[in-house]
Amino acid sequence: MDGADAHEDEHGDLLSTLEVIEAQPLATRAEAYDTLHDTLARRLEATPGTPS
């Protein structure tokens, strides 16, 4: 699998996750979005970036 395919899989996984979250009641949805935010923030911080 090349980089483009991996990116599309991650994009699809995110969309699937968002669809599941949106189907939840409001209180559950808020907690799920908070968890998703934390997960994405950890992934972003763990990804090597280019120096500023």
N, C-alpha and C. Protein backbone atom coordinates (compact mmCIF):
# COMPACT_ATOMS: atom_id res chain seq x y z
N MET A 1 0.86 -1.18 0.00
CA MET A 1 0.00 0.00 0.00
C MET A 1 0.90 1.23 0.00
N ASP A 2 0.63 2.15 -0.89
CA ASP A 2 1.46 3.36 -0.94
C ASP A 2 0.88 4.44 -0.04
N GLY A 3 1.57 5.58 0.03
CA GLY A 3 1.16 6.66 0.92
C GLY A 3 -0.22 7.20 0.63
N ALA A 4 -0.57 7.31 -0.66
CA ALA A 4 -1.89 7.84 -1.02
C ALA A 4 -3.00 6.91 -0.56
N ASP A 5 -2.80 5.60 -0.74
CA ASP A 5 -3.81 4.64 -0.28
C ASP A 5 -3.96 4.68 1.23
N ALA A 6 -2.85 4.78 1.95
CA ALA A 6 -2.90 4.85 3.41
C ALA A 6 -3.64 6.10 3.85
N HIS A 7 -3.39 7.22 3.17
CA HIS A 7 -4.08 8.47 3.51
C HIS A 7 -5.58 8.34 3.27
N GLU A 8 -5.97 7.71 2.16
CA GLU A 8 -7.40 7.53 1.87
C GLU A 8 -8.05 6.61 2.89
N ASP A 9 -7.33 5.56 3.34
CA ASP A 9 -7.87 4.67 4.37
C ASP A 9 -8.09 5.43 5.67
N GLU A 10 -7.11 6.26 6.06
CA GLU A 10 -7.25 7.05 7.28
C GLU A 10 -8.41 8.03 7.15
N HIS A 11 -8.55 8.63 5.97
CA HIS A 11 -9.65 9.58 5.72
C HIS A 11 -10.99 8.85 5.84
N GLY A 12 -11.07 7.65 5.26
CA GLY A 12 -12.29 6.85 5.33
C GLY A 12 -12.60 6.43 6.76
N ASP A 13 -11.54 6.06 7.51
CA ASP A 13 -11.73 5.69 8.91
C ASP A 13 -12.26 6.88 9.71
N LEU A 14 -11.73 8.06 9.45
CA LEU A 14 -12.20 9.25 10.16
C LEU A 14 -13.65 9.53 9.83
N LEU A 15 -14.00 9.44 8.56
CA LEU A 15 -15.40 9.67 8.17
C LEU A 15 -16.33 8.65 8.82
N SER A 16 -15.92 7.40 8.86
CA SER A 16 -16.73 6.36 9.51
C SER A 16 -16.91 6.68 10.99
N THR A 17 -15.83 7.09 11.63
CA THR A 17 -15.89 7.45 13.04
C THR A 17 -16.85 8.62 13.26
N LEU A 18 -16.76 9.63 12.40
CA LEU A 18 -17.65 10.78 12.53
C LEU A 18 -19.11 10.40 12.32
N GLU A 19 -19.37 9.49 11.39
CA GLU A 19 -20.74 9.04 11.17
C GLU A 19 -21.29 8.33 12.40
N VAL A 20 -20.46 7.50 13.03
CA VAL A 20 -20.89 6.80 14.24
C VAL A 20 -21.16 7.81 15.35
N ILE A 21 -20.26 8.77 15.51
CA ILE A 21 -20.44 9.79 16.55
C ILE A 21 -21.72 10.58 16.32
N GLU A 22 -21.96 11.00 15.10
CA GLU A 22 -23.14 11.81 14.79
C GLU A 22 -24.45 11.07 15.05
N ALA A 23 -24.43 9.75 15.05
CA ALA A 23 -25.63 8.96 15.29
C ALA A 23 -25.96 8.83 16.78
N GLN A 24 -25.06 9.31 17.64
CA GLN A 24 -25.23 9.16 19.08
C GLN A 24 -26.07 10.31 19.66
N PRO A 25 -26.65 10.08 20.85
CA PRO A 25 -27.33 11.18 21.55
C PRO A 25 -26.32 12.29 21.88
N LEU A 26 -26.81 13.49 22.12
CA LEU A 26 -25.95 14.66 22.27
C LEU A 26 -24.87 14.49 23.34
N ALA A 27 -25.23 14.04 24.52
CA ALA A 27 -24.24 13.90 25.60
C ALA A 27 -23.14 12.90 25.22
N THR A 28 -23.54 11.80 24.63
CA THR A 28 -22.58 10.79 24.20
C THR A 28 -21.72 11.34 23.07
N ARG A 29 -22.33 12.09 22.18
CA ARG A 29 -21.63 12.68 21.04
C ARG A 29 -20.54 13.64 21.52
N ALA A 30 -20.85 14.46 22.51
CA ALA A 30 -19.87 15.42 23.04
C ALA A 30 -18.66 14.68 23.61
N GLU A 31 -18.91 13.64 24.36
CA GLU A 31 -17.82 12.86 24.95
C GLU A 31 -17.00 12.18 23.85
N ALA A 32 -17.67 11.66 22.83
CA ALA A 32 -16.97 10.99 21.73
C ALA A 32 -16.11 11.97 20.94
N TYR A 33 -16.61 13.19 20.72
CA TYR A 33 -15.80 14.20 20.03
C TYR A 33 -14.59 14.59 20.86
N ASP A 34 -14.75 14.67 22.17
CA ASP A 34 -13.63 14.98 23.06
C ASP A 34 -12.56 13.89 22.96
N THR A 35 -13.00 12.64 22.97
CA THR A 35 -12.07 11.51 22.84
C THR A 35 -11.38 11.53 21.48
N LEU A 36 -12.14 11.79 20.43
CA LEU A 36 -11.56 11.85 19.09
C LEU A 36 -10.53 12.97 19.00
N HIS A 37 -10.85 14.12 19.58
CA HIS A 37 -9.90 15.24 19.59
C HIS A 37 -8.59 14.83 20.27
N ASP A 38 -8.69 14.20 21.43
CA ASP A 38 -7.49 13.77 22.15
C ASP A 38 -6.67 12.78 21.33
N THR A 39 -7.35 11.85 20.68
CA THR A 39 -6.67 10.85 19.85
C THR A 39 -5.94 11.51 18.69
N LEU A 40 -6.62 12.40 17.99
CA LEU A 40 -6.01 13.08 16.85
C LEU A 40 -4.86 13.98 17.29
N ALA A 41 -5.00 14.65 18.43
CA ALA A 41 -3.93 15.51 18.93
C ALA A 41 -2.69 14.68 19.26
N ARG A 42 -2.87 13.52 19.89
CA ARG A 42 -1.73 12.64 20.20
C ARG A 42 -1.05 12.18 18.92
N ARG A 43 -1.85 11.81 17.91
CA ARG A 43 -1.27 11.37 16.63
C ARG A 43 -0.50 12.50 15.97
N LEU A 44 -1.04 13.70 16.02
CA LEU A 44 -0.37 14.84 15.42
C LEU A 44 0.95 15.14 16.12
N GLU A 45 0.94 15.10 17.45
CA GLU A 45 2.15 15.36 18.22
C GLU A 45 3.20 14.28 18.01
N ALA A 46 2.78 13.05 17.74
CA ALA A 46 3.71 11.94 17.55
C ALA A 46 4.29 11.90 16.15
N THR A 47 3.66 12.61 15.20
CA THR A 47 4.12 12.61 13.82
C THR A 47 5.27 13.58 13.66
N PRO A 48 6.39 13.08 13.15
CA PRO A 48 7.51 14.01 12.94
C PRO A 48 7.13 15.08 11.91
N GLY A 49 7.42 16.30 12.23
CA GLY A 49 7.09 17.40 11.32
C GLY A 49 8.35 18.10 10.86
N THR A 50 8.15 19.08 10.03
CA THR A 50 9.29 19.86 9.57
C THR A 50 9.55 20.97 10.57
N PRO A 51 10.81 21.28 10.83
CA PRO A 51 11.11 22.35 11.79
C PRO A 51 10.65 23.70 11.26
N SER A 52 10.24 24.56 12.17
CA SER A 52 9.76 25.90 11.78
C SER A 52 10.91 26.82 11.49
